[in-house]
All heavy atoms as atom14 arrays in JSON, in Angstrom:
{
  "sequence": "HSRQVAGDFDAAVLSLRDGIELIVRVPRNQAAETEQSADLLALRALS",
  "atom14_mask": [
    [1, 1, 1, 1, 1, 1, 1, 1, 1, 1, 0, 0, 0, 0],
    [1, 1, 1, 1, 1, 1, 0, 0, 0, 0, 0, 0, 0, 0],
    [1, 1, 1, 1, 1, 1, 1, 1, 1, 1, 1, 0, 0, 0],
    [1, 1, 1, 1, 1, 1, 1, 1, 1, 0, 0, 0, 0, 0],
    [1, 1, 1, 1, 1, 1, 1, 0, 0, 0, 0, 0, 0, 0],
    [1, 1, 1, 1, 1, 0, 0, 0, 0, 0, 0, 0, 0, 0],
    [1, 1, 1, 1, 0, 0, 0, 0, 0, 0, 0, 0, 0, 0],
    [1, 1, 1, 1, 1, 1, 1, 1, 0, 0, 0, 0, 0, 0],
    [1, 1, 1, 1, 1, 1, 1, 1, 1, 1, 1, 0, 0, 0],
    [1, 1, 1, 1, 1, 1, 1, 1, 0, 0, 0, 0, 0, 0],
    [1, 1, 1, 1, 1, 0, 0, 0, 0, 0, 0, 0, 0, 0],
    [1, 1, 1, 1, 1, 0, 0, 0, 0, 0, 0, 0, 0, 0],
    [1, 1, 1, 1, 1, 1, 1, 0, 0, 0, 0, 0, 0, 0],
    [1, 1, 1, 1, 1, 1, 1, 1, 0, 0, 0, 0, 0, 0],
    [1, 1, 1, 1, 1, 1, 0, 0, 0, 0, 0, 0, 0, 0],
    [1, 1, 1, 1, 1, 1, 1, 1, 0, 0, 0, 0, 0, 0],
    [1, 1, 1, 1, 1, 1, 1, 1, 1, 1, 1, 0, 0, 0],
    [1, 1, 1, 1, 1, 1, 1, 1, 0, 0, 0, 0, 0, 0],
    [1, 1, 1, 1, 0, 0, 0, 0, 0, 0, 0, 0, 0, 0],
    [1, 1, 1, 1, 1, 1, 1, 1, 0, 0, 0, 0, 0, 0],
    [1, 1, 1, 1, 1, 1, 1, 1, 1, 0, 0, 0, 0, 0],
    [1, 1, 1, 1, 1, 1, 1, 1, 0, 0, 0, 0, 0, 0],
    [1, 1, 1, 1, 1, 1, 1, 1, 0, 0, 0, 0, 0, 0],
    [1, 1, 1, 1, 1, 1, 1, 0, 0, 0, 0, 0, 0, 0],
    [1, 1, 1, 1, 1, 1, 1, 1, 1, 1, 1, 0, 0, 0],
    [1, 1, 1, 1, 1, 1, 1, 0, 0, 0, 0, 0, 0, 0],
    [1, 1, 1, 1, 1, 1, 1, 0, 0, 0, 0, 0, 0, 0],
    [1, 1, 1, 1, 1, 1, 1, 1, 1, 1, 1, 0, 0, 0],
    [1, 1, 1, 1, 1, 1, 1, 1, 0, 0, 0, 0, 0, 0],
    [1, 1, 1, 1, 1, 1, 1, 1, 1, 0, 0, 0, 0, 0],
    [1, 1, 1, 1, 1, 0, 0, 0, 0, 0, 0, 0, 0, 0],
    [1, 1, 1, 1, 1, 0, 0, 0, 0, 0, 0, 0, 0, 0],
    [1, 1, 1, 1, 1, 1, 1, 1, 1, 0, 0, 0, 0, 0],
    [1, 1, 1, 1, 1, 1, 1, 0, 0, 0, 0, 0, 0, 0],
    [1, 1, 1, 1, 1, 1, 1, 1, 1, 0, 0, 0, 0, 0],
    [1, 1, 1, 1, 1, 1, 1, 1, 1, 0, 0, 0, 0, 0],
    [1, 1, 1, 1, 1, 1, 0, 0, 0, 0, 0, 0, 0, 0],
    [1, 1, 1, 1, 1, 0, 0, 0, 0, 0, 0, 0, 0, 0],
    [1, 1, 1, 1, 1, 1, 1, 1, 0, 0, 0, 0, 0, 0],
    [1, 1, 1, 1, 1, 1, 1, 1, 0, 0, 0, 0, 0, 0],
    [1, 1, 1, 1, 1, 1, 1, 1, 0, 0, 0, 0, 0, 0],
    [1, 1, 1, 1, 1, 0, 0, 0, 0, 0, 0, 0, 0, 0],
    [1, 1, 1, 1, 1, 1, 1, 1, 0, 0, 0, 0, 0, 0],
    [1, 1, 1, 1, 1, 1, 1, 1, 1, 1, 1, 0, 0, 0],
    [1, 1, 1, 1, 1, 0, 0, 0, 0, 0, 0, 0, 0, 0],
    [1, 1, 1, 1, 1, 1, 1, 1, 0, 0, 0, 0, 0, 0],
    [1, 1, 1, 1, 1, 1, 0, 0, 0, 0, 0, 0, 0, 0]
  ],
  "atom14_positions": [
    [[0.85, -1.18, 0.0], [0.0, 0.0, 0.0], [0.89, 1.23, 0.0], [1.44, 1.62, 1.02], [-0.89, 0.01, 1.23], [-2.1, 0.87, 1.06], [-3.17, 0.51, 0.28], [-2.4, 2.09, 1.54], [-4.08, 1.45, 0.29], [-3.63, 2.42, 1.05], [0.0, 0.0, 0.0], [0.0, 0.0, 0.0], [0.0, 0.0, 0.0], [0.0, 0.0, 0.0]],
    [[1.04, 1.84, -1.18], [1.97, 2.95, -1.31], [1.59, 3.82, -2.48], [0.97, 3.35, -3.44], [3.4, 2.41, -1.53], [4.28, 3.45, -1.85], [0.0, 0.0, 0.0], [0.0, 0.0, 0.0], [0.0, 0.0, 0.0], [0.0, 0.0, 0.0], [0.0, 0.0, 0.0], [0.0, 0.0, 0.0], [0.0, 0.0, 0.0], [0.0, 0.0, 0.0]],
    [[1.97, 5.09, -2.36], [1.83, 6.02, -3.48], [3.18, 6.29, -4.13], [3.4, 7.3, -4.77], [1.21, 7.34, -3.02], [-0.24, 7.19, -2.57], [-0.82, 8.54, -2.22], [-2.17, 8.4, -1.71], [-2.9, 9.42, -1.28], [-2.4, 10.65, -1.29], [-4.12, 9.24, -0.82], [0.0, 0.0, 0.0], [0.0, 0.0, 0.0], [0.0, 0.0, 0.0]],
    [[4.12, 5.4, -3.88], [5.44, 5.47, -4.49], [6.2, 6.73, -4.09], [6.87, 7.36, -4.9], [5.32, 5.4, -6.04], [4.56, 4.19, -6.53], [5.18, 2.88, -6.08], [6.39, 2.72, -6.09], [4.34, 1.93, -5.65], [0.0, 0.0, 0.0], [0.0, 0.0, 0.0], [0.0, 0.0, 0.0], [0.0, 0.0, 0.0], [0.0, 0.0, 0.0]],
    [[6.08, 7.11, -2.84], [6.88, 8.21, -2.33], [7.54, 7.77, -1.04], [7.17, 6.77, -0.44], [6.03, 9.48, -2.07], [5.34, 9.94, -3.33], [5.02, 9.23, -0.95], [0.0, 0.0, 0.0], [0.0, 0.0, 0.0], [0.0, 0.0, 0.0], [0.0, 0.0, 0.0], [0.0, 0.0, 0.0], [0.0, 0.0, 0.0], [0.0, 0.0, 0.0]],
    [[8.53, 8.54, -0.6], [9.21, 8.25, 0.65], [8.34, 8.73, 1.8], [8.26, 9.92, 2.08], [10.57, 8.93, 0.68], [0.0, 0.0, 0.0], [0.0, 0.0, 0.0], [0.0, 0.0, 0.0], [0.0, 0.0, 0.0], [0.0, 0.0, 0.0], [0.0, 0.0, 0.0], [0.0, 0.0, 0.0], [0.0, 0.0, 0.0], [0.0, 0.0, 0.0]],
    [[7.65, 7.81, 2.45], [6.72, 8.18, 3.49], [7.24, 7.88, 4.88], [8.32, 7.31, 5.06], [0.0, 0.0, 0.0], [0.0, 0.0, 0.0], [0.0, 0.0, 0.0], [0.0, 0.0, 0.0], [0.0, 0.0, 0.0], [0.0, 0.0, 0.0], [0.0, 0.0, 0.0], [0.0, 0.0, 0.0], [0.0, 0.0, 0.0], [0.0, 0.0, 0.0]],
    [[6.44, 8.25, 5.86], [6.8, 8.04, 7.26], [6.32, 6.7, 7.79], [6.63, 6.35, 8.93], [6.21, 9.16, 8.13], [7.0, 10.45, 8.01], [8.12, 10.4, 7.45], [6.51, 11.49, 8.47], [0.0, 0.0, 0.0], [0.0, 0.0, 0.0], [0.0, 0.0, 0.0], [0.0, 0.0, 0.0], [0.0, 0.0, 0.0], [0.0, 0.0, 0.0]],
    [[5.56, 5.95, 6.98], [5.03, 4.67, 7.43], [5.23, 3.61, 6.35], [5.18, 3.91, 5.16], [3.52, 4.76, 7.71], [3.17, 5.5, 8.97], [3.1, 6.87, 8.99], [2.9, 4.8, 10.13], [2.79, 7.56, 10.15], [2.57, 5.48, 11.31], [2.52, 6.86, 11.31], [0.0, 0.0, 0.0], [0.0, 0.0, 0.0], [0.0, 0.0, 0.0]],
    [[5.44, 2.37, 6.8], [5.29, 1.21, 5.94], [3.9, 0.65, 6.19], [3.43, 0.64, 7.34], [6.34, 0.15, 6.26], [7.73, 0.55, 5.81], [7.84, 1.18, 4.75], [8.7, 0.24, 6.54], [0.0, 0.0, 0.0], [0.0, 0.0, 0.0], [0.0, 0.0, 0.0], [0.0, 0.0, 0.0], [0.0, 0.0, 0.0], [0.0, 0.0, 0.0]],
    [[3.24, 0.18, 5.14], [1.87, -0.29, 5.29], [1.57, -1.42, 4.33], [2.17, -1.51, 3.25], [0.89, 0.86, 5.08], [0.0, 0.0, 0.0], [0.0, 0.0, 0.0], [0.0, 0.0, 0.0], [0.0, 0.0, 0.0], [0.0, 0.0, 0.0], [0.0, 0.0, 0.0], [0.0, 0.0, 0.0], [0.0, 0.0, 0.0], [0.0, 0.0, 0.0]],
    [[0.64, -2.28, 4.72], [0.16, -3.36, 3.85], [-1.3, -3.63, 4.16], [-1.74, -3.49, 5.31], [0.98, -4.62, 4.06], [0.0, 0.0, 0.0], [0.0, 0.0, 0.0], [0.0, 0.0, 0.0], [0.0, 0.0, 0.0], [0.0, 0.0, 0.0], [0.0, 0.0, 0.0], [0.0, 0.0, 0.0], [0.0, 0.0, 0.0], [0.0, 0.0, 0.0]],
    [[-2.05, -3.98, 3.13], [-3.47, -4.32, 3.29], [-3.58, -5.84, 3.35], [-2.93, -6.57, 2.59], [-4.31, -3.77, 2.12], [-5.76, -4.2, 2.26], [-4.2, -2.26, 2.07], [0.0, 0.0, 0.0], [0.0, 0.0, 0.0], [0.0, 0.0, 0.0], [0.0, 0.0, 0.0], [0.0, 0.0, 0.0], [0.0, 0.0, 0.0], [0.0, 0.0, 0.0]],
    [[-4.4, -6.32, 4.29], [-4.57, -7.75, 4.52], [-6.0, -8.17, 4.19], [-6.95, -7.54, 4.65], [-4.28, -8.09, 5.98], [-3.08, -7.4, 6.63], [-3.07, -7.64, 8.12], [-1.79, -7.89, 5.98], [0.0, 0.0, 0.0], [0.0, 0.0, 0.0], [0.0, 0.0, 0.0], [0.0, 0.0, 0.0], [0.0, 0.0, 0.0], [0.0, 0.0, 0.0]],
    [[-6.15, -9.22, 3.4], [-7.46, -9.78, 3.11], [-7.65, -11.03, 3.96], [-6.82, -11.95, 3.92], [-7.58, -10.13, 1.63], [-7.46, -8.98, 0.83], [0.0, 0.0, 0.0], [0.0, 0.0, 0.0], [0.0, 0.0, 0.0], [0.0, 0.0, 0.0], [0.0, 0.0, 0.0], [0.0, 0.0, 0.0], [0.0, 0.0, 0.0], [0.0, 0.0, 0.0]],
    [[-8.74, -11.08, 4.72], [-9.03, -12.21, 5.6], [-9.95, -13.2, 4.88], [-10.61, -12.88, 3.89], [-9.67, -11.73, 6.89], [-8.93, -10.62, 7.65], [-9.6, -10.36, 8.99], [-7.46, -10.97, 7.83], [0.0, 0.0, 0.0], [0.0, 0.0, 0.0], [0.0, 0.0, 0.0], [0.0, 0.0, 0.0], [0.0, 0.0, 0.0], [0.0, 0.0, 0.0]],
    [[-9.98, -14.4, 5.42], [-10.78, -15.45, 4.78], [-12.26, -15.1, 4.73], [-12.99, -15.51, 3.81], [-10.58, -16.78, 5.52], [-11.18, -17.98, 4.82], [-10.74, -19.26, 5.47], [-9.29, -19.4, 5.48], [-8.57, -19.84, 4.45], [-9.18, -20.16, 3.31], [-7.27, -19.96, 4.53], [0.0, 0.0, 0.0], [0.0, 0.0, 0.0], [0.0, 0.0, 0.0]],
    [[-12.74, -14.33, 5.72], [-14.16, -13.97, 5.74], [-14.47, -12.75, 4.89], [-15.59, -12.23, 4.91], [-14.63, -13.74, 7.18], [-13.83, -12.65, 7.89], [-13.01, -11.98, 7.22], [-14.02, -12.48, 9.1], [0.0, 0.0, 0.0], [0.0, 0.0, 0.0], [0.0, 0.0, 0.0], [0.0, 0.0, 0.0], [0.0, 0.0, 0.0], [0.0, 0.0, 0.0]],
    [[-13.49, -12.25, 4.13], [-13.71, -11.13, 3.23], [-13.4, -9.77, 3.82], [-13.38, -8.77, 3.1], [0.0, 0.0, 0.0], [0.0, 0.0, 0.0], [0.0, 0.0, 0.0], [0.0, 0.0, 0.0], [0.0, 0.0, 0.0], [0.0, 0.0, 0.0], [0.0, 0.0, 0.0], [0.0, 0.0, 0.0], [0.0, 0.0, 0.0], [0.0, 0.0, 0.0]],
    [[-13.15, -9.7, 5.12], [-12.8, -8.43, 5.77], [-11.38, -8.03, 5.38], [-10.5, -8.88, 5.2], [-12.92, -8.56, 7.3], [-14.38, -8.79, 7.7], [-12.36, -7.34, 8.01], [-14.57, -9.05, 9.18], [0.0, 0.0, 0.0], [0.0, 0.0, 0.0], [0.0, 0.0, 0.0], [0.0, 0.0, 0.0], [0.0, 0.0, 0.0], [0.0, 0.0, 0.0]],
    [[-11.15, -6.73, 5.26], [-9.81, -6.22, 4.98], [-9.32, -5.38, 6.15], [-10.08, -4.59, 6.73], [-9.79, -5.39, 3.68], [-9.94, -6.23, 2.42], [-9.64, -5.44, 1.16], [-10.02, -4.26, 1.11], [-9.01, -6.01, 0.25], [0.0, 0.0, 0.0], [0.0, 0.0, 0.0], [0.0, 0.0, 0.0], [0.0, 0.0, 0.0], [0.0, 0.0, 0.0]],
    [[-8.05, -5.54, 6.46], [-7.38, -4.76, 7.5], [-6.16, -4.08, 6.89], [-5.72, -4.43, 5.8], [-6.94, -5.65, 8.66], [-8.02, -6.5, 9.35], [-7.37, -7.39, 10.41], [-9.09, -5.61, 9.96], [0.0, 0.0, 0.0], [0.0, 0.0, 0.0], [0.0, 0.0, 0.0], [0.0, 0.0, 0.0], [0.0, 0.0, 0.0], [0.0, 0.0, 0.0]],
    [[-5.61, -3.13, 7.61], [-4.37, -2.5, 7.19], [-3.44, -2.44, 8.39], [-3.86, -2.14, 9.51], [-4.6, -1.09, 6.59], [-3.29, -0.5, 6.06], [-5.25, -0.16, 7.59], [-3.48, 0.73, 5.18], [0.0, 0.0, 0.0], [0.0, 0.0, 0.0], [0.0, 0.0, 0.0], [0.0, 0.0, 0.0], [0.0, 0.0, 0.0], [0.0, 0.0, 0.0]],
    [[-2.18, -2.78, 8.19], [-1.17, -2.73, 9.24], [-0.13, -1.67, 8.85], [0.29, -1.61, 7.7], [-0.5, -4.11, 9.46], [0.13, -4.63, 8.18], [0.53, -4.03, 10.59], [0.0, 0.0, 0.0], [0.0, 0.0, 0.0], [0.0, 0.0, 0.0], [0.0, 0.0, 0.0], [0.0, 0.0, 0.0], [0.0, 0.0, 0.0], [0.0, 0.0, 0.0]],
    [[0.24, -0.86, 9.84], [1.14, 0.26, 9.56], [2.21, 0.32, 10.64], [1.95, 0.16, 11.82], [0.36, 1.58, 9.53], [-0.76, 1.59, 8.51], [-1.69, 2.78, 8.66], [-1.01, 4.03, 8.41], [-0.81, 4.97, 9.31], [-1.22, 4.8, 10.55], [-0.21, 6.1, 8.99], [0.0, 0.0, 0.0], [0.0, 0.0, 0.0], [0.0, 0.0, 0.0]],
    [[3.44, 0.6, 10.18], [4.58, 0.7, 11.09], [5.3, 2.03, 10.82], [5.7, 2.31, 9.69], [5.57, -0.46, 10.87], [6.75, -0.34, 11.85], [4.87, -1.79, 11.03], [0.0, 0.0, 0.0], [0.0, 0.0, 0.0], [0.0, 0.0, 0.0], [0.0, 0.0, 0.0], [0.0, 0.0, 0.0], [0.0, 0.0, 0.0], [0.0, 0.0, 0.0]],
    [[5.46, 2.87, 11.85], [6.13, 4.16, 11.64], [7.62, 3.99, 11.38], [8.26, 3.08, 11.92], [5.88, 4.9, 12.96], [5.64, 3.83, 13.97], [4.98, 2.71, 13.23], [0.0, 0.0, 0.0], [0.0, 0.0, 0.0], [0.0, 0.0, 0.0], [0.0, 0.0, 0.0], [0.0, 0.0, 0.0], [0.0, 0.0, 0.0], [0.0, 0.0, 0.0]],
    [[8.17, 4.86, 10.57], [9.58, 4.79, 10.21], [10.46, 5.71, 11.06], [11.68, 5.58, 11.03], [9.76, 5.18, 8.74], [9.23, 4.17, 7.75], [9.47, 4.67, 6.33], [9.16, 3.67, 5.33], [9.28, 3.88, 4.01], [9.69, 5.06, 3.58], [8.99, 2.93, 3.16], [0.0, 0.0, 0.0], [0.0, 0.0, 0.0], [0.0, 0.0, 0.0]],
    [[9.85, 6.65, 11.77], [10.65, 7.6, 12.54], [9.86, 8.04, 13.77], [8.7, 7.69, 13.94], [11.05, 8.81, 11.68], [9.85, 9.45, 11.0], [8.88, 9.83, 11.64], [9.92, 9.56, 9.67], [0.0, 0.0, 0.0], [0.0, 0.0, 0.0], [0.0, 0.0, 0.0], [0.0, 0.0, 0.0], [0.0, 0.0, 0.0], [0.0, 0.0, 0.0]],
    [[10.54, 8.82, 14.62], [9.92, 9.23, 15.87], [8.71, 10.11, 15.65], [7.7, 10.0, 16.35], [10.95, 9.96, 16.74], [10.42, 10.39, 18.1], [9.95, 9.21, 18.94], [10.69, 8.25, 19.13], [8.72, 9.26, 19.44], [0.0, 0.0, 0.0], [0.0, 0.0, 0.0], [0.0, 0.0, 0.0], [0.0, 0.0, 0.0], [0.0, 0.0, 0.0]],
    [[8.79, 11.02, 14.68], [7.65, 11.91, 14.41], [6.42, 11.11, 14.0], [5.3, 11.39, 14.43], [8.02, 12.93, 13.33], [0.0, 0.0, 0.0], [0.0, 0.0, 0.0], [0.0, 0.0, 0.0], [0.0, 0.0, 0.0], [0.0, 0.0, 0.0], [0.0, 0.0, 0.0], [0.0, 0.0, 0.0], [0.0, 0.0, 0.0], [0.0, 0.0, 0.0]],
    [[6.63, 10.1, 13.16], [5.51, 9.26, 12.73], [4.94, 8.47, 13.89], [3.72, 8.3, 14.01], [5.98, 8.33, 11.62], [0.0, 0.0, 0.0], [0.0, 0.0, 0.0], [0.0, 0.0, 0.0], [0.0, 0.0, 0.0], [0.0, 0.0, 0.0], [0.0, 0.0, 0.0], [0.0, 0.0, 0.0], [0.0, 0.0, 0.0], [0.0, 0.0, 0.0]],
    [[5.82, 7.97, 14.76], [5.34, 7.21, 15.92], [4.51, 8.1, 16.85], [3.48, 7.68, 17.37], [6.53, 6.63, 16.68], [6.11, 5.78, 17.86], [7.29, 5.12, 18.55], [8.44, 5.39, 18.15], [7.05, 4.34, 19.49], [0.0, 0.0, 0.0], [0.0, 0.0, 0.0], [0.0, 0.0, 0.0], [0.0, 0.0, 0.0], [0.0, 0.0, 0.0]],
    [[4.96, 9.35, 17.03], [4.21, 10.28, 17.87], [2.84, 10.56, 17.28], [1.83, 10.56, 17.99], [5.0, 11.6, 18.02], [6.26, 11.34, 18.63], [4.21, 12.61, 18.85], [0.0, 0.0, 0.0], [0.0, 0.0, 0.0], [0.0, 0.0, 0.0], [0.0, 0.0, 0.0], [0.0, 0.0, 0.0], [0.0, 0.0, 0.0], [0.0, 0.0, 0.0]],
    [[2.8, 10.74, 15.97], [1.5, 10.99, 15.33], [0.6, 9.77, 15.4], [-0.61, 9.89, 15.64], [1.7, 11.41, 13.87], [0.38, 11.56, 13.14], [0.47, 12.46, 11.93], [1.49, 13.13, 11.76], [-0.5, 12.47, 11.17], [0.0, 0.0, 0.0], [0.0, 0.0, 0.0], [0.0, 0.0, 0.0], [0.0, 0.0, 0.0], [0.0, 0.0, 0.0]],
    [[1.18, 8.6, 15.22], [0.38, 7.39, 15.3], [-0.23, 7.22, 16.69], [-1.4, 6.84, 16.84], [1.24, 6.18, 14.97], [0.47, 4.86, 14.94], [1.38, 3.68, 14.68], [2.27, 3.38, 15.48], [1.17, 3.01, 13.55], [0.0, 0.0, 0.0], [0.0, 0.0, 0.0], [0.0, 0.0, 0.0], [0.0, 0.0, 0.0], [0.0, 0.0, 0.0]],
    [[0.55, 7.54, 17.72], [0.04, 7.44, 19.09], [-1.11, 8.41, 19.32], [-2.12, 8.07, 19.95], [1.17, 7.69, 20.09], [2.18, 6.7, 19.98], [0.0, 0.0, 0.0], [0.0, 0.0, 0.0], [0.0, 0.0, 0.0], [0.0, 0.0, 0.0], [0.0, 0.0, 0.0], [0.0, 0.0, 0.0], [0.0, 0.0, 0.0], [0.0, 0.0, 0.0]],
    [[-0.94, 9.64, 18.81], [-2.0, 10.64, 18.95], [-3.25, 10.23, 18.2], [-4.39, 10.41, 18.67], [-1.5, 11.99, 18.47], [0.0, 0.0, 0.0], [0.0, 0.0, 0.0], [0.0, 0.0, 0.0], [0.0, 0.0, 0.0], [0.0, 0.0, 0.0], [0.0, 0.0, 0.0], [0.0, 0.0, 0.0], [0.0, 0.0, 0.0], [0.0, 0.0, 0.0]],
    [[-3.06, 9.66, 17.02], [-4.2, 9.21, 16.22], [-4.94, 8.08, 16.93], [-6.18, 8.03, 16.96], [-3.72, 8.76, 14.85], [-4.85, 8.5, 13.88], [-5.5, 9.47, 13.46], [-5.09, 7.32, 13.56], [0.0, 0.0, 0.0], [0.0, 0.0, 0.0], [0.0, 0.0, 0.0], [0.0, 0.0, 0.0], [0.0, 0.0, 0.0], [0.0, 0.0, 0.0]],
    [[-4.19, 7.17, 17.53], [-4.79, 6.06, 18.24], [-5.58, 6.54, 19.45], [-6.69, 6.05, 19.73], [-3.7, 5.08, 18.68], [-4.17, 3.77, 19.32], [-5.08, 3.0, 18.36], [-2.97, 2.91, 19.71], [0.0, 0.0, 0.0], [0.0, 0.0, 0.0], [0.0, 0.0, 0.0], [0.0, 0.0, 0.0], [0.0, 0.0, 0.0], [0.0, 0.0, 0.0]],
    [[-5.04, 7.53, 20.17], [-5.76, 8.1, 21.31], [-7.07, 8.72, 20.86], [-8.12, 8.56, 21.51], [-4.88, 9.14, 22.0], [-5.48, 9.85, 23.22], [-5.8, 8.85, 24.31], [-4.52, 10.93, 23.73], [0.0, 0.0, 0.0], [0.0, 0.0, 0.0], [0.0, 0.0, 0.0], [0.0, 0.0, 0.0], [0.0, 0.0, 0.0], [0.0, 0.0, 0.0]],
    [[-7.04, 9.42, 19.72], [-8.25, 10.05, 19.2], [-9.28, 9.01, 18.78], [-10.48, 9.15, 19.04], [-7.9, 10.96, 18.03], [0.0, 0.0, 0.0], [0.0, 0.0, 0.0], [0.0, 0.0, 0.0], [0.0, 0.0, 0.0], [0.0, 0.0, 0.0], [0.0, 0.0, 0.0], [0.0, 0.0, 0.0], [0.0, 0.0, 0.0], [0.0, 0.0, 0.0]],
    [[-8.83, 7.94, 18.11], [-9.75, 6.9, 17.68], [-10.44, 6.24, 18.87], [-11.63, 5.89, 18.81], [-9.01, 5.84, 16.86], [-8.48, 6.29, 15.49], [-7.78, 5.13, 14.79], [-9.59, 6.84, 14.61], [0.0, 0.0, 0.0], [0.0, 0.0, 0.0], [0.0, 0.0, 0.0], [0.0, 0.0, 0.0], [0.0, 0.0, 0.0], [0.0, 0.0, 0.0]],
    [[-9.71, 6.07, 19.96], [-10.32, 5.5, 21.16], [-11.32, 6.47, 21.78], [-12.33, 6.05, 22.37], [-9.23, 5.12, 22.15], [-8.43, 3.89, 21.73], [-7.23, 3.66, 22.61], [-6.61, 2.35, 22.34], [-5.41, 2.0, 22.78], [-4.69, 2.83, 23.51], [-4.93, 0.8, 22.5], [0.0, 0.0, 0.0], [0.0, 0.0, 0.0], [0.0, 0.0, 0.0]],
    [[-11.05, 7.77, 21.68], [-11.98, 8.77, 22.22], [-13.26, 8.83, 21.41], [-14.33, 9.16, 21.95], [-11.31, 10.15, 22.23], [0.0, 0.0, 0.0], [0.0, 0.0, 0.0], [0.0, 0.0, 0.0], [0.0, 0.0, 0.0], [0.0, 0.0, 0.0], [0.0, 0.0, 0.0], [0.0, 0.0, 0.0], [0.0, 0.0, 0.0], [0.0, 0.0, 0.0]],
    [[-13.17, 8.49, 20.13], [-14.35, 8.51, 19.26], [-15.13, 7.22, 19.48], [-15.05, 6.26, 18.72], [-13.92, 8.66, 17.8], [-13.32, 10.02, 17.45], [-12.57, 9.96, 16.12], [-14.39, 11.1, 17.41], [0.0, 0.0, 0.0], [0.0, 0.0, 0.0], [0.0, 0.0, 0.0], [0.0, 0.0, 0.0], [0.0, 0.0, 0.0], [0.0, 0.0, 0.0]],
    [[-15.89, 7.21, 20.54], [-16.65, 6.03, 20.96], [-17.76, 5.72, 19.96], [-18.06, 6.49, 19.05], [-17.24, 6.27, 22.34], [-18.19, 7.33, 22.29], [0.0, 0.0, 0.0], [0.0, 0.0, 0.0], [0.0, 0.0, 0.0], [0.0, 0.0, 0.0], [0.0, 0.0, 0.0], [0.0, 0.0, 0.0], [0.0, 0.0, 0.0], [0.0, 0.0, 0.0]]
  ]
}
């Protein structure tokens, strides 16, 4: 999963047997990790 640019995350889309799709992302640097943590906190707040 890429737009062919040097990004802050590595990512891949996963297809499950039941047809559901997931995406896994790994930050490449500290700034990306900080943003990912903030994004995760926000997603949890969005009940």
